[in-house]
């Protein structure tokens, strides 16, 4: 007889996706600011819609199903 644990049923882990949004206008058209300009720091974000710049970006965590619905609406 072999010892050890029996393989138990694996719990399905649901993937979590993160949607980044502008804290000012709520748009998801945000991107990381790249460059070496003095006024911009590392980790700065920029909204393409309203022009907001900063480090405090809103992050919404959603399930894979909700993320697919979001992509279809976009």
PDB file of N, CA and C in Angstrom:
ATOM      1  N   UNK A   1       0.843  -1.174   0.000  1.00  0.00           N
ATOM      2  CA  UNK A   1       0.000   0.000   0.000  1.00  0.00           C
ATOM      3  C   UNK A   1       0.890   1.240   0.000  1.00  0.00           C
ATOM      4  N   UNK A   2       0.571   2.175  -0.856  1.00  0.00           N
ATOM      5  CA  UNK A   2       1.350   3.394  -0.941  1.00  0.00           C
ATOM      6  C   UNK A   2       0.790   4.425   0.025  1.00  0.00           C
ATOM      7  N   UNK A   3       1.658   5.139   0.660  1.00  0.00           N
ATOM      8  CA  UNK A   3       1.239   6.194   1.571  1.00  0.00           C
ATOM      9  C   UNK A   3       1.126   7.512   0.841  1.00  0.00           C
ATOM     10  N   UNK A   4       0.636   8.492   1.509  1.00  0.00           N
ATOM     11  CA  UNK A   4       0.536   9.813   0.901  1.00  0.00           C
ATOM     12  C   UNK A   4      -0.898  10.297   0.857  1.00  0.00           C
ATOM     13  N   UNK A   5      -1.046  11.445   0.302  1.00  0.00           N
ATOM     14  CA  UNK A   5      -2.369  12.054   0.234  1.00  0.00           C
ATOM     15  C   UNK A   5      -3.033  11.721  -1.095  1.00  0.00           C
ATOM     16  N   UNK A   6      -4.326  11.561  -1.041  1.00  0.00           N
ATOM     17  CA  UNK A   6      -5.082  11.356  -2.261  1.00  0.00           C
ATOM     18  C   UNK A   6      -5.249  12.703  -2.955  1.00  0.00           C
ATOM     19  N   UNK A   7      -5.204  12.688  -4.266  1.00  0.00           N
ATOM     20  CA  UNK A   7      -5.425  13.962  -4.965  1.00  0.00           C
ATOM     21  C   UNK A   7      -6.856  14.436  -4.749  1.00  0.00           C
ATOM     22  N   UNK A   8      -6.985  15.573  -4.143  1.00  0.00           N
ATOM     23  CA  UNK A   8      -8.316  16.111  -3.888  1.00  0.00           C
ATOM     24  C   UNK A   8      -8.762  16.946  -5.073  1.00  0.00           C
ATOM     25  N   UNK A   9     -10.039  17.224  -5.113  1.00  0.00           N
ATOM     26  CA  UNK A   9     -10.552  18.053  -6.199  1.00  0.00           C
ATOM     27  C   UNK A   9      -9.971  19.448  -6.063  1.00  0.00           C
ATOM     28  N   UNK A  10      -9.442  19.921  -7.171  1.00  0.00           N
ATOM     29  CA  UNK A  10      -8.837  21.250  -7.149  1.00  0.00           C
ATOM     30  C   UNK A  10      -9.935  22.289  -7.202  1.00  0.00           C
ATOM     31  N   UNK A  11      -9.797  23.278  -6.362  1.00  0.00           N
ATOM     32  CA  UNK A  11     -10.740  24.379  -6.387  1.00  0.00           C
ATOM     33  C   UNK A  11     -10.363  25.293  -7.536  1.00  0.00           C
ATOM     34  N   UNK A  12     -11.352  25.661  -8.316  1.00  0.00           N
ATOM     35  CA  UNK A  12     -11.089  26.562  -9.428  1.00  0.00           C
ATOM     36  C   UNK A  12     -10.911  27.965  -8.891  1.00  0.00           C
ATOM     37  N   UNK A  13      -9.777  28.526  -9.191  1.00  0.00           N
ATOM     38  CA  UNK A  13      -9.530  29.908  -8.808  1.00  0.00           C
ATOM     39  C   UNK A  13     -10.022  30.786  -9.941  1.00  0.00           C
ATOM     40  N   UNK A  14     -10.858  31.728  -9.592  1.00  0.00           N
ATOM     41  CA  UNK A  14     -11.371  32.646 -10.596  1.00  0.00           C
ATOM     42  C   UNK A  14     -10.356  33.741 -10.818  1.00  0.00           C
ATOM     43  N   UNK A  15     -10.050  34.001 -12.081  1.00  0.00           N
ATOM     44  CA  UNK A  15      -9.095  35.044 -12.399  1.00  0.00           C
ATOM     45  C   UNK A  15      -9.693  36.399 -12.074  1.00  0.00           C
ATOM     46  N   UNK A  16      -8.870  37.258 -11.540  1.00  0.00           N
ATOM     47  CA  UNK A  16      -9.288  38.618 -11.227  1.00  0.00           C
ATOM     48  C   UNK A  16      -8.540  39.564 -12.153  1.00  0.00           C
ATOM     49  N   UNK A  17      -9.292  40.411 -12.821  1.00  0.00           N
ATOM     50  CA  UNK A  17      -8.720  41.391 -13.729  1.00  0.00           C
ATOM     51  C   UNK A  17      -8.852  42.771 -13.110  1.00  0.00           C
ATOM     52  N   UNK A  18      -7.915  43.638 -13.417  1.00  0.00           N
ATOM     53  CA  UNK A  18      -7.925  44.981 -12.870  1.00  0.00           C
ATOM     54  C   UNK A  18      -8.191  45.973 -13.993  1.00  0.00           C
ATOM     55  N   UNK A  19      -9.175  46.846 -13.768  1.00  0.00           N
ATOM     56  CA  UNK A  19      -9.492  47.900 -14.710  1.00  0.00           C
ATOM     57  C   UNK A  19      -9.051  49.210 -14.082  1.00  0.00           C
ATOM     58  N   UNK A  20      -8.172  49.902 -14.762  1.00  0.00           N
ATOM     59  CA  UNK A  20      -7.658  51.174 -14.244  1.00  0.00           C
ATOM     60  C   UNK A  20      -8.503  52.309 -14.810  1.00  0.00           C
ATOM     61  N   UNK A  21      -8.930  53.216 -13.922  1.00  0.00           N
ATOM     62  CA  UNK A  21      -9.784  54.326 -14.331  1.00  0.00           C
ATOM     63  C   UNK A  21      -9.257  55.635 -13.771  1.00  0.00           C
ATOM     64  N   UNK A  22      -9.565  56.714 -14.480  1.00  0.00           N
ATOM     65  CA  UNK A  22      -9.199  58.058 -14.058  1.00  0.00           C
ATOM     66  C   UNK A  22     -10.038  58.443 -12.843  1.00  0.00           C
ATOM     67  N   UNK A  23      -9.425  58.955 -11.765  1.00  0.00           N
ATOM     68  CA  UNK A  23     -10.202  59.354 -10.591  1.00  0.00           C
ATOM     69  C   UNK A  23     -11.023  60.616 -10.820  1.00  0.00           C
ATOM     70  N   UNK A  24     -10.686  61.389 -11.832  1.00  0.00           N
ATOM     71  CA  UNK A  24     -11.387  62.645 -12.103  1.00  0.00           C
ATOM     72  C   UNK A  24     -12.645  62.431 -12.952  1.00  0.00           C
ATOM     73  N   UNK A  25     -12.493  61.761 -14.110  1.00  0.00           N
ATOM     74  CA  UNK A  25     -13.632  61.619 -15.022  1.00  0.00           C
ATOM     75  C   UNK A  25     -14.172  60.193 -15.124  1.00  0.00           C
ATOM     76  N   UNK A  26     -13.457  59.193 -14.587  1.00  0.00           N
ATOM     77  CA  UNK A  26     -13.923  57.807 -14.615  1.00  0.00           C
ATOM     78  C   UNK A  26     -13.623  57.077 -15.920  1.00  0.00           C
ATOM     79  N   UNK A  27     -12.891  57.695 -16.815  1.00  0.00           N
ATOM     80  CA  UNK A  27     -12.558  57.080 -18.098  1.00  0.00           C
ATOM     81  C   UNK A  27     -11.499  55.994 -17.902  1.00  0.00           C
ATOM     82  N   UNK A  28     -11.583  54.953 -18.720  1.00  0.00           N
ATOM     83  CA  UNK A  28     -10.572  53.896 -18.657  1.00  0.00           C
ATOM     84  C   UNK A  28      -9.446  54.148 -19.665  1.00  0.00           C
ATOM     85  N   UNK A  29      -9.455  55.311 -20.284  1.00  0.00           N
ATOM     86  CA  UNK A  29      -8.409  55.668 -21.249  1.00  0.00           C
ATOM     87  C   UNK A  29      -7.230  56.309 -20.518  1.00  0.00           C
ATOM     88  N   UNK A  30      -6.558  55.510 -19.688  1.00  0.00           N
ATOM     89  CA  UNK A  30      -5.408  55.995 -18.929  1.00  0.00           C
ATOM     90  C   UNK A  30      -4.174  55.216 -19.350  1.00  0.00           C
ATOM     91  N   UNK A  31      -3.026  55.864 -19.226  1.00  0.00           N
ATOM     92  CA  UNK A  31      -1.772  55.203 -19.572  1.00  0.00           C
ATOM     93  C   UNK A  31      -0.666  55.714 -18.669  1.00  0.00           C
ATOM     94  N   UNK A  32       0.377  54.921 -18.576  1.00  0.00           N
ATOM     95  CA  UNK A  32       1.539  55.284 -17.779  1.00  0.00           C
ATOM     96  C   UNK A  32       2.310  56.353 -18.545  1.00  0.00           C
ATOM     97  N   UNK A  33       2.793  57.358 -17.819  1.00  0.00           N
ATOM     98  CA  UNK A  33       3.578  58.419 -18.432  1.00  0.00           C
ATOM     99  C   UNK A  33       5.016  57.939 -18.536  1.00  0.00           C
ATOM    100  N   UNK A  34       5.539  57.951 -19.742  1.00  0.00           N
ATOM    101  CA  UNK A  34       6.925  57.549 -19.974  1.00  0.00           C
ATOM    102  C   UNK A  34       7.741  58.774 -20.313  1.00  0.00           C
ATOM    103  N   UNK A  35       8.945  58.813 -19.853  1.00  0.00           N
ATOM    104  CA  UNK A  35       9.822  59.936 -20.174  1.00  0.00           C
ATOM    105  C   UNK A  35      10.616  60.362 -18.966  1.00  0.00           C
ATOM    106  N   UNK A  36      11.534  61.244 -19.215  1.00  0.00           N
ATOM    107  CA  UNK A  36      12.434  61.694 -18.162  1.00  0.00           C
ATOM    108  C   UNK A  36      12.243  63.183 -17.851  1.00  0.00           C
ATOM    109  N   UNK A  37      11.037  63.678 -18.044  1.00  0.00           N
ATOM    110  CA  UNK A  37      10.800  65.085 -17.759  1.00  0.00           C
ATOM    111  C   UNK A  37      10.864  65.323 -16.256  1.00  0.00           C
ATOM    112  N   UNK A  38      11.346  66.487 -15.875  1.00  0.00           N
ATOM    113  CA  UNK A  38      11.546  66.790 -14.458  1.00  0.00           C
ATOM    114  C   UNK A  38      10.243  66.863 -13.686  1.00  0.00           C
ATOM    115  N   UNK A  39       9.178  67.358 -14.293  1.00  0.00           N
ATOM    116  CA  UNK A  39       7.927  67.533 -13.561  1.00  0.00           C
ATOM    117  C   UNK A  39       7.156  66.232 -13.376  1.00  0.00           C
ATOM    118  N   UNK A  40       7.514  65.191 -14.121  1.00  0.00           N
ATOM    119  CA  UNK A  40       6.811  63.918 -14.017  1.00  0.00           C
ATOM    120  C   UNK A  40       7.657  62.927 -13.230  1.00  0.00           C
ATOM    121  N   UNK A  41       7.020  62.270 -12.308  1.00  0.00           N
ATOM    122  CA  UNK A  41       7.727  61.292 -11.500  1.00  0.00           C
ATOM    123  C   UNK A  41       7.503  59.883 -12.001  1.00  0.00           C
ATOM    124  N   UNK A  42       8.125  58.947 -11.348  1.00  0.00           N
ATOM    125  CA  UNK A  42       7.965  57.541 -11.695  1.00  0.00           C
ATOM    126  C   UNK A  42       6.608  57.078 -11.188  1.00  0.00           C
ATOM    127  N   UNK A  43       5.903  56.301 -11.990  1.00  0.00           N
ATOM    128  CA  UNK A  43       4.595  55.793 -11.595  1.00  0.00           C
ATOM    129  C   UNK A  43       3.469  56.774 -11.820  1.00  0.00           C
ATOM    130  N   UNK A  44       3.678  57.775 -12.631  1.00  0.00           N
ATOM    131  CA  UNK A  44       2.637  58.751 -12.939  1.00  0.00           C
ATOM    132  C   UNK A  44       1.710  58.197 -14.027  1.00  0.00           C
ATOM    133  N   UNK A  45       0.444  58.565 -13.951  1.00  0.00           N
ATOM    134  CA  UNK A  45      -0.563  58.154 -14.914  1.00  0.00           C
ATOM    135  C   UNK A  45      -1.133  59.393 -15.587  1.00  0.00           C
ATOM    136  N   UNK A  46      -1.667  59.196 -16.788  1.00  0.00           N
ATOM    137  CA  UNK A  46      -2.251  60.299 -17.542  1.00  0.00           C
ATOM    138  C   UNK A  46      -3.564  59.822 -18.160  1.00  0.00           C
ATOM    139  N   UNK A  47      -4.605  60.653 -18.055  1.00  0.00           N
ATOM    140  CA  UNK A  47      -5.896  60.357 -18.677  1.00  0.00           C
ATOM    141  C   UNK A  47      -5.912  60.980 -20.068  1.00  0.00           C
ATOM    142  N   UNK A  48      -6.228  60.174 -21.057  1.00  0.00           N
ATOM    143  CA  UNK A  48      -6.267  60.664 -22.436  1.00  0.00           C
ATOM    144  C   UNK A  48      -7.520  61.495 -22.695  1.00  0.00           C
ATOM    145  N   UNK A  49      -8.546  61.301 -21.873  1.00  0.00           N
ATOM    146  CA  UNK A  49      -9.814  61.984 -22.096  1.00  0.00           C
ATOM    147  C   UNK A  49      -9.834  63.393 -21.492  1.00  0.00           C
ATOM    148  N   UNK A  50      -9.469  63.517 -20.218  1.00  0.00           N
ATOM    149  CA  UNK A  50      -9.581  64.822 -19.553  1.00  0.00           C
ATOM    150  C   UNK A  50      -8.238  65.495 -19.292  1.00  0.00           C
ATOM    151  N   UNK A  51      -7.118  64.780 -19.489  1.00  0.00           N
ATOM    152  CA  UNK A  51      -5.804  65.370 -19.303  1.00  0.00           C
ATOM    153  C   UNK A  51      -5.266  65.308 -17.886  1.00  0.00           C
ATOM    154  N   UNK A  52      -5.964  64.628 -16.980  1.00  0.00           N
ATOM    155  CA  UNK A  52      -5.509  64.485 -15.589  1.00  0.00           C
ATOM    156  C   UNK A  52      -4.176  63.758 -15.558  1.00  0.00           C
ATOM    157  N   UNK A  53      -3.292  64.171 -14.656  1.00  0.00           N
ATOM    158  CA  UNK A  53      -2.005  63.496 -14.432  1.00  0.00           C
ATOM    159  C   UNK A  53      -1.809  63.334 -12.945  1.00  0.00           C
ATOM    160  N   UNK A  54      -1.339  62.168 -12.544  1.00  0.00           N
ATOM    161  CA  UNK A  54      -1.084  61.923 -11.132  1.00  0.00           C
ATOM    162  C   UNK A  54      -0.739  60.471 -10.872  1.00  0.00           C
ATOM    163  N   UNK A  55      -0.584  60.148  -9.598  1.00  0.00           N
ATOM    164  CA  UNK A  55      -0.198  58.798  -9.208  1.00  0.00           C
ATOM    165  C   UNK A  55      -1.353  58.015  -8.591  1.00  0.00           C
ATOM    166  N   UNK A  56      -2.376  58.694  -8.128  1.00  0.00           N
ATOM    167  CA  UNK A  56      -3.498  58.034  -7.457  1.00  0.00           C
ATOM    168  C   UNK A  56      -4.564  57.658  -8.476  1.00  0.00           C
ATOM    169  N   UNK A  57      -4.425  56.471  -9.039  1.00  0.00           N
ATOM    170  CA  UNK A  57      -5.361  56.001 -10.059  1.00  0.00           C
ATOM    171  C   UNK A  57      -6.352  55.042  -9.416  1.00  0.00           C
ATOM    172  N   UNK A  58      -7.581  55.027  -9.910  1.00  0.00           N
ATOM    173  CA  UNK A  58      -8.603  54.116  -9.397  1.00  0.00           C
ATOM    174  C   UNK A  58      -8.434  52.754 -10.061  1.00  0.00           C
ATOM    175  N   UNK A  59      -8.429  51.703  -9.260  1.00  0.00           N
ATOM    176  CA  UNK A  59      -8.304  50.346  -9.783  1.00  0.00           C
ATOM    177  C   UNK A  59      -9.528  49.563  -9.334  1.00  0.00           C
ATOM    178  N   UNK A  60     -10.222  48.984 -10.316  1.00  0.00           N
ATOM    179  CA  UNK A  60     -11.417  48.199 -10.033  1.00  0.00           C
ATOM    180  C   UNK A  60     -11.095  46.746 -10.349  1.00  0.00           C
ATOM    181  N   UNK A  61     -11.282  45.854  -9.372  1.00  0.00           N
ATOM    182  CA  UNK A  61     -11.016  44.436  -9.590  1.00  0.00           C
ATOM    183  C   UNK A  61     -12.327  43.750  -9.948  1.00  0.00           C
ATOM    184  N   UNK A  62     -12.317  43.032 -11.079  1.00  0.00           N
ATOM    185  CA  UNK A  62     -13.524  42.361 -11.560  1.00  0.00           C
ATOM    186  C   UNK A  62     -13.197  40.917 -11.924  1.00  0.00           C
ATOM    187  N   UNK A  63     -14.241  40.092 -11.977  1.00  0.00           N
ATOM    188  CA  UNK A  63     -14.062  38.692 -12.371  1.00  0.00           C
ATOM    189  C   UNK A  63     -13.845  38.615 -13.875  1.00  0.00           C
ATOM    190  N   UNK A  64     -13.491  37.445 -14.337  1.00  0.00           N
ATOM    191  CA  UNK A  64     -13.222  37.271 -15.768  1.00  0.00           C
ATOM    192  C   UNK A  64     -14.490  37.516 -16.590  1.00  0.00           C
ATOM    193  N   UNK A  65     -15.624  37.078 -16.084  1.00  0.00           N
ATOM    194  CA  UNK A  65     -16.896  37.272 -16.788  1.00  0.00           C
ATOM    195  C   UNK A  65     -17.236  38.760 -16.897  1.00  0.00           C
ATOM    196  N   UNK A  66     -17.072  39.497 -15.800  1.00  0.00           N
ATOM    197  CA  UNK A  66     -17.338  40.931 -15.812  1.00  0.00           C
ATOM    198  C   UNK A  66     -16.353  41.665 -16.726  1.00  0.00           C
ATOM    199  N   UNK A  67     -15.107  41.198 -16.769  1.00  0.00           N
ATOM    200  CA  UNK A  67     -14.099  41.813 -17.616  1.00  0.00           C
ATOM    201  C   UNK A  67     -14.438  41.627 -19.095  1.00  0.00           C
ATOM    202  N   UNK A  68     -14.930  40.440 -19.460  1.00  0.00           N
ATOM    203  CA  UNK A  68     -15.321  40.194 -20.846  1.00  0.00           C
ATOM    204  C   UNK A  68     -16.508  41.067 -21.247  1.00  0.00           C
ATOM    205  N   UNK A  69     -17.459  41.269 -20.324  1.00  0.00           N
ATOM    206  CA  UNK A  69     -18.592  42.160 -20.591  1.00  0.00           C
ATOM    207  C   UNK A  69     -18.086  43.589 -20.789  1.00  0.00           C
ATOM    208  N   UNK A  70     -17.135  44.009 -19.966  1.00  0.00           N
ATOM    209  CA  UNK A  70     -16.554  45.337 -20.074  1.00  0.00           C
ATOM    210  C   UNK A  70     -15.896  45.536 -21.437  1.00  0.00           C
ATOM    211  N   UNK A  71     -15.152  44.537 -21.898  1.00  0.00           N
ATOM    212  CA  UNK A  71     -14.472  44.621 -23.199  1.00  0.00           C
ATOM    213  C   UNK A  71     -15.472  44.686 -24.350  1.00  0.00           C
ATOM    214  N   UNK A  72     -16.592  43.952 -24.234  1.00  0.00           N
ATOM    215  CA  UNK A  72     -17.607  43.987 -25.277  1.00  0.00           C
ATOM    216  C   UNK A  72     -18.271  45.355 -25.371  1.00  0.00           C
ATOM    217  N   UNK A  73     -18.501  45.990 -24.219  1.00  0.00           N
ATOM    218  CA  UNK A  73     -19.131  47.313 -24.193  1.00  0.00           C
ATOM    219  C   UNK A  73     -18.186  48.376 -24.711  1.00  0.00           C
ATOM    220  N   UNK A  74     -16.920  48.182 -24.490  1.00  0.00           N
ATOM    221  CA  UNK A  74     -15.915  49.164 -24.889  1.00  0.00           C
ATOM    222  C   UNK A  74     -15.782  49.140 -26.372  1.00  0.00           C
TER     223      UNK A  74
END
